[in-house]
Amino acid sequence: MLTLLSGLAAGAAHVLTGPDHLAALAPLASDQPRRAAALGVRWGLGHGFGVLALGGLGVVLKTQIDVQMVSAWAELSVGFLLLGVGVWAAYRAAQIVVHAHPHEHDTNDAEADPHDHLHVHANQRMGHATAEAHAGHNHAAFWVGLLHGVAGTGHLFGVLPSLAMPVSDACVYLAAYFVSAVFAMASFGAIMGVATRNKGPLAIRRIMYAASSLAVTIGSVWIVQAWSSV
């Protein structure tokens, strides 16, 4: 039971106390507020699989793998990835537009007048192109999370404790870590969605610019810190 609880606590603590994790997901979540929780799940799945992969290798090859070196290269990759996410978020924020279309409610009230409904979306072709963009964001969230799973302090919370455990306990610990990471990022995505769902285009644009700046700043710090370790 202690091993299970330790994995749950470590997964949530690592995910939610890493500003780089939140900086990577925030631009994706604020760009699609109604689907933010699902993006959080995908990010958490990617992160969890990354930790499981590194932890599993560590358990099987305890004396033959340099976990620190793998993590150092992943840190550098995450830095450049965060820069890319930040630039992408700023580009998407600049594209946000508002449009209106007339709408009539299906009612028997003869006095009911048609009125306009406002819609906020990125300035892109709708239909198939929009579906492709949504699918791309889903995949982006997963792969960003996966790379984060093998980078930074992930090896401290997820990998190193498992190396000191029997194989059965290590499997329980890593599985609990995985579940906790998914739940934590889904919760963060949902919070981001609630914060942006009913806001106007200017508010959403500001949130995305703030997330963009955070991602670029933290990505730059990661690159500087990781450069000397590889």
Protein backbone atom coordinates (compact mmCIF):
# COMPACT_ATOMS: atom_id res chain seq x y z
CA MET A 1 0.00 0.00 0.00
CA LEU A 2 2.84 2.38 0.84
CA THR A 3 4.41 1.76 -2.56
CA LEU A 4 1.09 2.50 -4.28
CA LEU A 5 0.52 5.72 -2.32
CA SER A 6 4.09 6.82 -2.93
CA GLY A 7 3.67 6.40 -6.68
CA LEU A 8 0.39 8.34 -6.69
CA ALA A 9 1.87 11.18 -4.65
CA ALA A 10 5.07 11.33 -6.69
CA GLY A 11 3.22 11.41 -10.01
CA ALA A 12 0.94 14.27 -9.02
CA ALA A 13 3.72 16.22 -7.31
CA HIS A 14 6.10 15.91 -10.24
CA VAL A 15 3.53 16.90 -12.87
CA LEU A 16 1.91 19.82 -11.06
CA THR A 17 5.07 21.32 -9.56
CA GLY A 18 6.89 21.42 -12.89
CA PRO A 19 6.27 24.83 -14.48
CA ASP A 20 7.62 23.47 -17.76
CA HIS A 21 4.83 20.88 -17.80
CA LEU A 22 2.12 23.48 -17.28
CA ALA A 23 3.78 25.85 -19.74
CA ALA A 24 3.71 23.14 -22.41
CA LEU A 25 0.04 22.22 -21.90
CA ALA A 26 -1.39 25.70 -21.28
CA PRO A 27 -1.07 26.93 -24.90
CA LEU A 28 -2.73 23.75 -26.17
CA ALA A 29 -5.53 23.93 -23.59
CA SER A 30 -6.28 27.63 -24.00
CA ASP A 31 -6.43 27.20 -27.78
CA GLN A 32 -9.12 24.53 -27.43
CA PRO A 33 -10.91 25.31 -24.13
CA ARG A 34 -13.80 22.89 -24.72
CA ARG A 35 -11.40 20.01 -25.27
CA ALA A 36 -8.81 21.00 -22.66
CA ALA A 37 -9.46 18.10 -20.28
CA ALA A 38 -9.02 15.58 -23.11
CA LEU A 39 -5.76 17.27 -24.08
CA GLY A 40 -4.67 16.99 -20.46
CA VAL A 41 -5.38 13.26 -20.52
CA ARG A 42 -3.31 12.84 -23.69
CA TRP A 43 -0.45 14.86 -22.23
CA GLY A 44 -0.61 12.80 -19.04
CA LEU A 45 -0.63 9.56 -21.04
CA GLY A 46 2.42 10.68 -22.98
CA HIS A 47 4.20 11.74 -19.82
CA GLY A 48 3.33 8.52 -18.05
CA PHE A 49 4.52 6.35 -20.93
CA GLY A 50 7.77 8.31 -21.03
CA VAL A 51 8.41 7.67 -17.35
CA LEU A 52 7.35 4.02 -17.68
CA ALA A 53 9.75 3.52 -20.58
CA LEU A 54 12.70 5.05 -18.77
CA GLY A 55 11.79 3.41 -15.47
CA GLY A 56 11.27 0.02 -17.09
CA LEU A 57 14.66 0.19 -18.75
CA GLY A 58 16.17 1.22 -15.46
CA VAL A 59 14.63 -1.73 -13.61
CA VAL A 60 15.68 -4.26 -16.26
CA LEU A 61 19.13 -2.80 -16.90
CA LYS A 62 19.97 -1.32 -13.52
CA THR A 63 23.71 -1.50 -13.99
CA GLN A 64 23.89 -0.94 -17.75
CA ILE A 65 21.95 2.28 -18.44
CA ASP A 66 22.96 5.85 -17.68
CA VAL A 67 19.60 7.31 -16.68
CA GLN A 68 21.21 10.69 -15.99
CA MET A 69 22.60 10.96 -19.53
CA VAL A 70 19.28 10.00 -21.15
CA SER A 71 17.54 12.62 -19.05
CA ALA A 72 20.11 15.30 -19.92
CA TRP A 73 19.55 14.88 -23.66
CA ALA A 74 15.79 14.84 -23.12
CA GLU A 75 16.03 18.10 -21.15
CA LEU A 76 17.74 19.80 -24.09
CA SER A 77 15.07 18.49 -26.45
CA VAL A 78 12.30 19.72 -24.15
CA GLY A 79 13.87 23.18 -24.14
CA PHE A 80 13.67 23.47 -27.92
CA LEU A 81 10.21 21.91 -27.90
CA LEU A 82 8.94 24.49 -25.42
CA LEU A 83 10.31 27.26 -27.64
CA GLY A 84 8.37 25.80 -30.54
CA VAL A 85 5.19 25.47 -28.48
CA GLY A 86 5.52 29.09 -27.35
CA VAL A 87 5.96 30.42 -30.89
CA TRP A 88 3.05 28.28 -32.09
CA ALA A 89 0.80 29.60 -29.30
CA ALA A 90 1.60 33.22 -30.18
CA TYR A 91 0.82 32.50 -33.84
CA ARG A 92 -2.50 30.88 -32.92
CA ALA A 93 -3.42 33.75 -30.59
CA ALA A 94 -2.89 36.24 -33.40
CA GLN A 95 -5.30 34.25 -35.59
CA ILE A 96 -8.25 34.31 -33.18
CA VAL A 97 -11.25 36.02 -34.73
CA VAL A 98 -14.92 36.50 -33.86
CA HIS A 99 -17.78 35.96 -36.25
CA ALA A 100 -21.55 36.08 -35.87
CA HIS A 101 -24.38 34.35 -37.64
CA PRO A 102 -28.17 34.75 -37.31
CA HIS A 103 -29.90 32.15 -35.17
CA GLU A 104 -33.54 31.42 -34.48
CA HIS A 105 -34.73 29.30 -31.58
CA ASP A 106 -37.26 26.57 -32.33
CA THR A 107 -40.14 28.03 -30.34
CA ASN A 108 -43.84 28.75 -30.71
CA ASP A 109 -43.39 32.27 -29.41
CA ALA A 110 -44.42 34.49 -32.30
CA GLU A 111 -42.62 37.43 -30.74
CA ALA A 112 -39.29 35.67 -30.64
CA ASP A 113 -36.87 37.49 -32.91
CA PRO A 114 -33.86 36.02 -34.68
CA HIS A 115 -30.58 37.11 -33.14
CA ASP A 116 -26.88 36.68 -33.62
CA HIS A 117 -24.68 34.11 -31.89
CA LEU A 118 -20.99 34.91 -31.56
CA HIS A 119 -18.37 32.27 -32.29
CA VAL A 120 -14.67 32.44 -31.51
CA HIS A 121 -12.25 30.41 -33.62
CA ALA A 122 -8.87 30.55 -35.27
CA ASN A 123 -8.78 32.12 -38.71
CA GLN A 124 -8.59 28.91 -40.71
CA ARG A 125 -10.75 26.90 -43.07
CA MET A 126 -13.48 25.04 -41.27
CA GLY A 127 -14.61 21.44 -41.76
CA HIS A 128 -11.94 18.92 -42.66
CA ALA A 129 -9.09 21.36 -42.03
CA THR A 130 -10.41 22.06 -38.52
CA ALA A 131 -10.72 18.34 -37.79
CA GLU A 132 -7.13 17.83 -38.91
CA ALA A 133 -5.99 20.69 -36.66
CA HIS A 134 -7.77 19.16 -33.65
CA ALA A 135 -6.22 15.77 -34.34
CA GLY A 136 -2.81 17.41 -34.65
CA HIS A 137 -3.22 19.09 -31.27
CA ASN A 138 -4.17 15.77 -29.68
CA HIS A 139 -1.03 14.12 -31.05
CA ALA A 140 1.08 17.15 -30.06
CA ALA A 141 -0.12 16.93 -26.45
CA PHE A 142 0.80 13.23 -26.29
CA TRP A 143 4.28 13.63 -27.76
CA VAL A 144 5.09 16.72 -25.67
CA GLY A 145 4.10 14.76 -22.57
CA LEU A 146 6.13 11.75 -23.69
CA LEU A 147 9.30 13.79 -24.07
CA HIS A 148 8.74 15.43 -20.69
CA GLY A 149 8.41 11.96 -19.17
CA VAL A 150 12.08 11.19 -19.82
CA ALA A 151 13.36 14.68 -19.06
CA GLY A 152 14.22 16.75 -16.04
CA THR A 153 13.28 15.60 -12.55
CA GLY A 154 11.20 12.76 -13.96
CA HIS A 155 14.02 10.35 -13.23
CA LEU A 156 14.11 11.53 -9.61
CA PHE A 157 10.42 10.92 -8.87
CA GLY A 158 9.70 8.15 -11.32
CA VAL A 159 12.87 6.24 -12.08
CA LEU A 160 15.31 6.39 -9.18
CA PRO A 161 12.89 5.14 -6.48
CA SER A 162 11.94 2.20 -8.67
CA LEU A 163 15.59 1.20 -9.05
CA ALA A 164 15.82 0.57 -5.31
CA MET A 165 12.69 -1.64 -5.22
CA PRO A 166 12.05 -5.28 -6.02
CA VAL A 167 10.66 -5.72 -9.53
CA SER A 168 7.08 -6.30 -8.30
CA ASP A 169 7.11 -3.18 -6.12
CA ALA A 170 8.74 -1.15 -8.90
CA CYS A 171 5.93 -2.13 -11.27
CA VAL A 172 3.29 -1.04 -8.74
CA TYR A 173 5.11 2.24 -8.12
CA LEU A 174 5.47 3.09 -11.81
CA ALA A 175 1.85 2.12 -12.55
CA ALA A 176 0.60 4.37 -9.74
CA TYR A 177 2.85 7.16 -11.00
CA PHE A 178 1.36 6.74 -14.47
CA VAL A 179 -2.26 6.94 -13.28
CA SER A 180 -1.53 9.95 -11.07
CA ALA A 181 0.21 11.84 -13.89
CA VAL A 182 -2.76 11.32 -16.23
CA PHE A 183 -5.29 12.45 -13.61
CA ALA A 184 -3.23 15.49 -12.59
CA MET A 185 -2.85 16.80 -16.13
CA ALA A 186 -6.49 16.09 -16.97
CA SER A 187 -7.46 18.18 -13.94
CA PHE A 188 -5.18 21.01 -15.02
CA GLY A 189 -6.57 20.89 -18.54
CA ALA A 190 -10.12 21.04 -17.18
CA ILE A 191 -9.26 24.07 -15.05
CA MET A 192 -7.76 25.80 -18.08
CA GLY A 193 -10.91 24.99 -20.01
CA VAL A 194 -13.20 26.46 -17.35
CA ALA A 195 -11.05 29.58 -17.19
CA THR A 196 -11.30 30.21 -20.93
CA ARG A 197 -14.59 28.63 -22.01
CA ASN A 198 -16.88 31.62 -21.65
CA LYS A 199 -14.34 34.39 -22.06
CA GLY A 200 -14.21 36.79 -24.96
CA PRO A 201 -11.63 36.60 -27.74
CA LEU A 202 -9.40 39.23 -26.15
CA ALA A 203 -9.25 37.30 -22.87
CA ILE A 204 -8.43 34.05 -24.67
CA ARG A 205 -5.78 35.82 -26.73
CA ARG A 206 -4.18 37.27 -23.58
CA ILE A 207 -4.15 33.86 -21.91
CA MET A 208 -2.49 32.33 -24.95
CA TYR A 209 0.10 35.12 -25.17
CA ALA A 210 0.87 34.65 -21.46
CA ALA A 211 1.21 30.89 -21.94
CA SER A 212 3.38 31.51 -24.99
CA SER A 213 5.71 33.81 -23.06
CA LEU A 214 5.94 31.31 -20.21
CA ALA A 215 6.76 28.45 -22.58
CA VAL A 216 9.46 30.45 -24.39
CA THR A 217 11.01 31.65 -21.12
CA ILE A 218 11.12 28.23 -19.48
CA GLY A 219 12.29 26.60 -22.70
CA SER A 220 15.20 29.03 -22.87
CA VAL A 221 16.13 28.25 -19.26
CA TRP A 222 16.07 24.52 -19.98
CA ILE A 223 18.35 24.92 -22.98
CA VAL A 224 20.87 26.97 -21.03
CA GLN A 225 20.90 24.55 -18.08
CA ALA A 226 20.96 21.37 -20.16
CA TRP A 227 23.59 22.53 -22.64
CA SER A 228 26.43 22.02 -20.16
CA SER A 229 25.24 18.52 -19.21
CA VAL A 230 25.29 16.88 -22.64
